[in-house]
Protein backbone atom coordinates (compact mmCIF):
# COMPACT_ATOMS: atom_id res chain seq x y z
CA MET A 1 -44.40 126.49 66.87
CA GLN A 2 -41.31 124.37 67.53
CA GLY A 3 -41.75 122.75 64.12
CA LEU A 4 -41.88 126.18 62.46
CA THR A 5 -38.70 127.19 64.29
CA ARG A 6 -36.91 124.11 62.99
CA LEU A 7 -38.22 124.84 59.49
CA GLY A 8 -36.88 128.39 59.74
CA ARG A 9 -33.43 127.15 60.74
CA PHE A 10 -33.47 124.70 57.81
CA ALA A 11 -34.44 127.44 55.38
CA LEU A 12 -31.71 129.73 56.73
CA ARG A 13 -29.07 127.06 56.39
CA TRP A 14 -29.91 125.63 52.97
CA CYS A 15 -32.04 128.16 51.08
CA ALA A 16 -30.67 131.62 51.86
CA PRO A 17 -27.41 132.71 50.19
CA GLU A 18 -24.56 132.36 52.67
CA GLY A 19 -23.98 136.11 52.89
CA VAL A 20 -27.66 136.80 53.60
CA ALA A 21 -27.82 133.95 56.10
CA ASP A 22 -24.78 135.31 57.93
CA LEU A 23 -26.23 138.84 58.07
CA LEU A 24 -29.41 137.43 59.57
CA ARG A 25 -27.40 135.48 62.14
CA ARG A 26 -25.43 138.59 63.04
CA ALA A 27 -28.61 140.65 63.42
CA ARG A 28 -30.03 137.95 65.66
CA GLY A 29 -26.74 137.91 67.60
CA ARG A 30 -26.85 141.68 68.17
CA ALA A 31 -30.34 141.34 69.59
CA ALA A 32 -29.19 138.74 72.10
CA ALA A 33 -25.40 138.48 72.18
CA PRO A 34 -24.41 135.16 73.75
CA PRO A 35 -22.43 135.47 76.98
CA PRO A 36 -18.81 134.30 77.13
CA THR A 37 -18.35 130.65 78.06
CA LEU A 38 -15.07 131.35 79.88
CA PRO A 39 -14.14 133.98 82.50
CA ALA A 40 -13.44 137.37 80.92
CA ASP A 41 -9.90 137.56 82.30
CA VAL A 42 -9.06 134.15 80.81
CA ILE A 43 -10.22 135.26 77.36
CA ALA A 44 -8.45 138.62 77.66
CA ARG A 45 -5.15 136.90 78.45
CA ASN A 46 -5.02 135.64 74.85
CA ALA A 47 -4.12 139.19 73.81
CA ASP A 48 -0.62 138.40 75.09
CA LEU A 49 -0.21 136.32 71.90
CA ALA A 50 -1.19 139.11 69.49
CA GLY A 51 1.65 139.91 67.09
CA ARG A 52 4.08 137.83 69.12
CA HIS A 53 5.79 136.45 65.99
CA ALA A 54 5.15 139.27 63.53
CA GLY A 55 6.67 138.58 60.12
CA ARG A 56 7.89 135.09 61.03
CA ARG A 57 7.38 131.84 59.16
CA CYS A 58 5.78 129.04 61.14
CA PHE A 59 5.09 125.36 60.57
CA ILE A 60 1.84 123.73 61.66
CA LEU A 61 2.53 120.09 62.49
CA ALA A 62 -0.53 117.86 62.11
CA THR A 63 -0.73 114.09 62.48
CA GLY A 64 -1.61 112.64 59.07
CA PRO A 65 0.10 109.37 58.03
CA SER A 66 2.12 111.21 55.36
CA ILE A 67 4.36 112.49 58.17
CA ARG A 68 5.99 109.04 58.21
CA THR A 69 7.49 109.71 54.77
CA GLN A 70 9.04 113.08 55.64
CA ASP A 71 12.23 113.97 57.47
CA LEU A 72 11.12 116.60 59.97
CA SER A 73 14.41 116.83 61.86
CA PRO A 74 15.46 119.99 59.90
CA LEU A 75 12.57 121.78 61.65
CA ALA A 76 14.74 122.05 64.76
CA GLY A 77 15.06 125.76 65.43
CA GLU A 78 12.01 126.66 63.32
CA LEU A 79 8.86 128.18 64.81
CA CYS A 80 6.49 125.20 65.08
CA ILE A 81 2.88 124.82 66.21
CA ALA A 82 2.00 121.18 66.93
CA VAL A 83 -1.56 119.88 67.14
CA SER A 84 -3.42 116.96 68.70
CA HIS A 85 -1.08 113.98 69.26
CA PHE A 86 1.96 115.29 67.42
CA PHE A 87 3.93 114.85 70.64
CA LEU A 88 4.14 111.15 69.64
CA HIS A 89 6.47 111.97 66.74
CA PRO A 90 9.88 110.28 67.14
CA ASP A 91 11.70 113.60 66.55
CA ILE A 92 9.58 115.60 69.00
CA ARG A 93 12.50 116.39 71.32
CA ARG A 94 14.58 117.60 68.39
CA ILE A 95 11.81 119.69 66.81
CA ARG A 96 10.63 121.13 70.15
CA PRO A 97 7.44 122.93 69.03
CA ALA A 98 6.95 126.29 70.72
CA TYR A 99 3.16 125.80 70.78
CA HIS A 100 0.70 122.95 71.06
CA VAL A 101 -2.94 123.32 70.02
CA LEU A 102 -6.02 121.27 70.92
CA ALA A 103 -9.43 121.76 69.34
CA PRO A 104 -12.47 122.04 71.64
CA TYR A 105 -13.27 118.64 73.11
CA HIS A 106 -16.57 117.05 72.09
CA PRO A 107 -18.43 113.71 72.34
CA PRO A 108 -17.48 110.90 72.54
CA PHE A 109 -14.17 112.00 74.12
CA ASP A 110 -13.95 112.25 77.90
CA PHE A 111 -11.49 112.83 80.74
CA ASP A 112 -9.88 109.42 80.16
CA ALA A 113 -8.86 110.69 76.72
CA LEU A 114 -7.48 113.87 78.27
CA ASP A 115 -5.50 111.82 80.79
CA THR A 116 -3.75 110.21 77.80
CA VAL A 117 -3.12 113.59 76.16
CA PHE A 118 -1.74 115.27 79.28
CA ASP A 119 0.40 112.24 80.07
CA GLY A 120 1.85 112.76 76.59
CA PHE A 121 2.49 116.43 77.28
CA ASP A 122 4.29 115.57 80.53
CA ALA A 123 6.39 112.89 78.86
CA HIS A 124 7.50 114.84 75.78
CA TYR A 125 7.46 118.57 76.53
CA ASP A 126 9.31 120.89 78.88
CA ASP A 127 7.81 123.85 80.75
CA GLY A 128 8.53 126.30 77.93
CA VAL A 129 5.77 125.07 75.62
CA ARG A 130 2.72 127.30 75.29
CA TYR A 131 -0.63 125.55 74.97
CA ILE A 132 -3.66 126.91 73.12
CA PHE A 133 -6.85 125.06 74.05
CA GLY A 134 -10.07 125.57 72.12
CA HIS A 135 -13.13 125.60 74.37
CA ARG A 136 -16.84 124.95 74.03
CA PRO A 137 -19.19 124.21 76.93
CA TYR A 138 -18.90 120.45 77.33
CA ALA A 139 -18.82 118.25 80.43
CA TYR A 140 -15.39 116.91 79.46
CA SER A 141 -13.73 120.09 78.18
CA VAL A 142 -10.05 120.81 78.78
CA TRP A 143 -11.11 123.80 80.88
CA ASP A 144 -13.17 121.64 83.23
CA TYR A 145 -10.52 118.93 83.25
CA LEU A 146 -7.88 121.39 84.47
CA ARG A 147 -10.21 123.11 86.94
CA GLN A 148 -10.66 119.74 88.60
CA ARG A 149 -6.95 118.92 88.30
CA PRO A 150 -5.10 122.22 88.75
CA HIS A 151 -1.82 120.38 89.31
CA ARG A 152 -1.93 119.37 85.62
CA CYS A 153 -2.39 122.88 84.25
CA PRO A 154 0.64 123.96 82.20
CA GLU A 155 2.43 127.16 83.16
CA HIS A 156 1.60 128.75 79.80
CA ALA A 157 -2.01 127.85 78.97
CA TYR A 158 -4.40 129.87 76.81
CA PHE A 159 -8.09 129.12 76.31
CA VAL A 160 -10.03 130.27 73.23
CA ASP A 161 -13.78 130.75 73.61
CA TYR A 162 -15.63 129.07 70.73
CA GLY A 163 -18.91 128.78 72.61
CA ARG A 164 -20.39 131.78 70.79
CA SER A 165 -18.63 131.65 67.42
CA GLU A 166 -19.93 132.29 63.92
CA GLN A 167 -19.26 130.00 60.98
CA LEU A 168 -16.70 131.50 58.62
CA SER A 169 -18.52 132.81 55.53
CA ASP A 170 -18.20 135.11 52.53
CA ALA A 171 -19.84 137.84 54.60
CA ASN A 172 -17.48 137.76 57.58
CA HIS A 173 -14.14 136.20 56.59
CA ARG A 174 -12.35 139.55 56.26
CA ARG A 175 -13.68 140.98 59.50
CA GLY A 176 -10.96 141.37 62.10
CA ASP A 177 -13.12 140.21 65.00
CA VAL A 178 -13.53 136.68 63.63
CA TRP A 179 -9.73 136.30 63.75
CA ASP A 180 -9.41 137.65 67.31
CA LEU A 181 -8.42 134.95 69.80
CA ALA A 182 -9.23 137.37 72.63
CA GLY A 183 -12.77 137.79 71.29
CA ARG A 184 -15.11 135.60 69.25
CA PRO A 185 -13.06 133.81 66.58
CA PHE A 186 -14.85 131.80 63.93
CA GLU A 187 -16.03 128.25 64.61
CA PRO A 188 -13.44 125.49 64.08
CA ARG A 189 -14.38 122.34 62.18
CA THR A 190 -10.99 120.77 62.85
CA VAL A 191 -7.91 121.52 64.95
CA LEU A 192 -6.19 122.93 61.86
CA TYR A 193 -8.61 125.88 61.97
CA VAL A 194 -7.47 126.73 65.50
CA ALA A 195 -3.79 126.44 64.57
CA ILE A 196 -4.20 128.68 61.50
CA GLN A 197 -6.09 131.24 63.59
CA ALA A 198 -3.33 131.17 66.21
CA ALA A 199 -0.56 131.58 63.62
CA ALA A 200 -2.35 134.52 62.01
CA TYR A 201 -3.13 136.11 65.38
CA MET A 202 0.53 135.90 66.38
CA GLY A 203 1.47 137.74 63.20
CA CYS A 204 3.09 134.97 61.16
CA SER A 205 3.47 136.00 57.52
CA GLU A 206 3.99 132.49 56.10
CA ILE A 207 2.14 129.45 57.44
CA VAL A 208 3.39 126.05 56.27
CA LEU A 209 1.17 122.98 56.76
CA LEU A 210 2.54 119.48 57.35
CA GLY A 211 0.68 116.23 57.97
CA CYS A 212 -2.62 117.70 56.76
CA ASP A 213 -3.62 114.71 54.63
CA HIS A 214 -7.37 115.35 54.76
CA ASP A 215 -7.97 112.16 52.79
CA TYR A 216 -10.87 110.53 54.67
CA LEU A 217 -12.92 110.54 51.46
CA ALA A 218 -10.41 108.18 49.85
CA ASP A 219 -11.79 105.38 52.03
CA MET A 220 -14.80 106.33 54.13
CA THR A 221 -15.08 102.80 55.54
CA ARG A 222 -11.71 103.06 57.28
CA VAL A 223 -12.02 104.37 60.84
CA THR A 224 -8.51 103.58 62.09
CA ASN A 225 -4.91 104.41 61.16
CA HIS A 226 -5.52 107.97 60.01
CA HIS A 227 -2.39 109.15 61.82
CA PHE A 228 1.37 108.67 61.70
CA TYR A 229 1.27 106.90 65.07
CA ARG A 230 -0.31 103.61 66.09
CA GLU A 231 -3.95 103.86 67.13
CA GLU A 232 -3.25 102.30 70.51
CA ASP A 233 -0.60 104.92 71.33
CA GLY A 234 -3.04 107.81 71.18
CA VAL A 235 -6.76 108.42 71.66
CA SER A 236 -8.81 106.25 69.32
CA ASP A 237 -11.07 107.94 66.74
CA VAL A 238 -12.99 104.74 66.00
CA GLU A 239 -16.21 105.61 67.86
CA HIS A 240 -16.19 109.18 66.55
CA LEU A 241 -15.52 108.29 62.90
CA SER A 242 -17.91 105.32 62.91
CA ALA A 243 -20.78 107.78 63.37
CA PHE A 244 -19.99 109.54 60.07
CA THR A 245 -22.27 108.66 57.15
CA THR A 246 -21.37 109.30 53.51
CA GLU A 247 -23.70 112.31 53.57
CA ARG A 248 -22.00 113.67 56.69
CA TRP A 249 -18.54 113.29 55.13
CA PHE A 250 -19.54 115.13 51.95
CA GLU A 251 -21.11 117.92 53.99
CA GLU A 252 -18.00 118.15 56.17
CA TYR A 253 -15.64 118.31 53.22
CA TYR A 254 -17.75 120.89 51.39
CA PHE A 255 -17.63 123.25 54.36
CA ARG A 256 -13.95 122.61 55.10
CA TRP A 257 -12.83 123.28 51.53
CA ARG A 258 -15.00 126.37 51.28
CA GLN A 259 -13.77 127.76 54.58
CA TYR A 260 -10.13 126.98 53.80
CA ARG A 261 -10.56 129.04 50.63
CA LEU A 262 -12.00 131.89 52.70
CA MET A 263 -9.08 131.65 55.14
CA ARG A 264 -6.63 131.77 52.24
CA GLN A 265 -8.34 134.82 50.75
CA ALA A 266 -8.72 136.68 54.05
CA LEU A 267 -5.10 136.15 55.05
CA ALA A 268 -3.75 136.90 51.57
CA ALA A 269 -5.42 140.31 51.83
CA ARG A 270 -3.28 140.86 54.94
CA GLY A 271 -0.07 139.68 53.27
CA VAL A 272 -0.12 136.22 54.85
CA THR A 273 0.56 133.11 52.74
CA ILE A 274 -0.52 129.55 53.56
CA ILE A 275 1.56 126.79 51.95
CA ASN A 276 0.77 123.09 52.06
CA ALA A 277 3.99 121.06 52.32
CA THR A 278 2.15 117.84 53.22
CA ALA A 279 3.47 114.85 51.24
CA GLY A 280 0.35 113.95 49.26
CA GLY A 281 -3.15 114.10 50.67
CA MET A 282 -6.26 115.70 49.19
CA LEU A 283 -6.00 119.27 50.48
CA ASP A 284 -5.58 121.31 47.28
CA VAL A 285 -6.84 124.71 48.46
CA PHE A 286 -3.39 126.07 49.29
CA SER A 287 -0.25 126.31 47.17
CA ARG A 288 1.87 123.16 47.32
CA ALA A 289 5.55 122.98 48.19
CA ASN A 290 8.15 120.31 48.90
CA LEU A 291 9.39 120.60 52.47
CA ALA A 292 13.07 119.93 51.71
CA GLU A 293 13.07 122.43 48.84
CA LEU A 294 11.28 124.99 51.00
CA LEU A 295 13.90 124.68 53.74
CA ASP A 296 16.78 124.71 51.24
CA ALA A 297 15.45 127.87 49.61
CA ALA A 298 15.15 129.56 53.00
CA ALA A 299 18.70 128.55 53.89
CA VAL A 300 20.04 129.96 50.61
CA GLY A 301 18.09 133.17 51.16
CA ALA A 302 19.59 133.50 54.62
CA GLY A 303 23.07 132.92 53.22
CA VAL A 304 23.56 129.64 55.08
């Protein structure tokens, strides 16, 4: 029986059209809706972010090595959402991101890694930063880390429940509930998913990506130096990336590219534009722009 169950899951994943597969998953979910993996009041608090920056432009600051080639100092005063270890950027105190996002923690990362991250928060941010932490049930989640160390919990901390999420698909990408941070938003494959969801949820009308190189396929044997900072200054990805086979990378990139397209289409239908101002990289799903030209055009439009 267990073998038949596994066979059924395989058939659902690889043989059924994605829309049909998603409808079957949803029907199964209605029959036995998974319980929240965080307290209800914690999830509900995310509604405070809804529409908070309606109509604004925001910049999502990722950590790809291309960041080294760009002057980010003009972002001072712009609405910025930093991710992962962006706090290591030399201009962090000038840029002063309003938000910092972490994806749900997963193996092989543990509380030692989170010590490094929270030490970085303490060293580079003031109390005004708002943190958005993705959560899945995991022994070393940010939620559990902070429950055991309440003195480290930031004043403005939000936790997004991904423990019962659906994969983004053709069947669901335009549904409002999969974009609801106070509900069951779609499953993130990378921290950029969480940041885009947050920007959209807060009402941003233009989302500009920086440092989103997404170029692991250019050299799948390289497991270090995929960031603008030195490996030893952050949390090493070596163990995590060493487990990726060629097959796993191609699968990962297929789903990322497909789901980025769905994000672009879903948000475009709501009047939201995603622009990739990364210097280089492989991510070609979104319209490209030069950061300096983008900022100059905005300044001219504002009459500066």
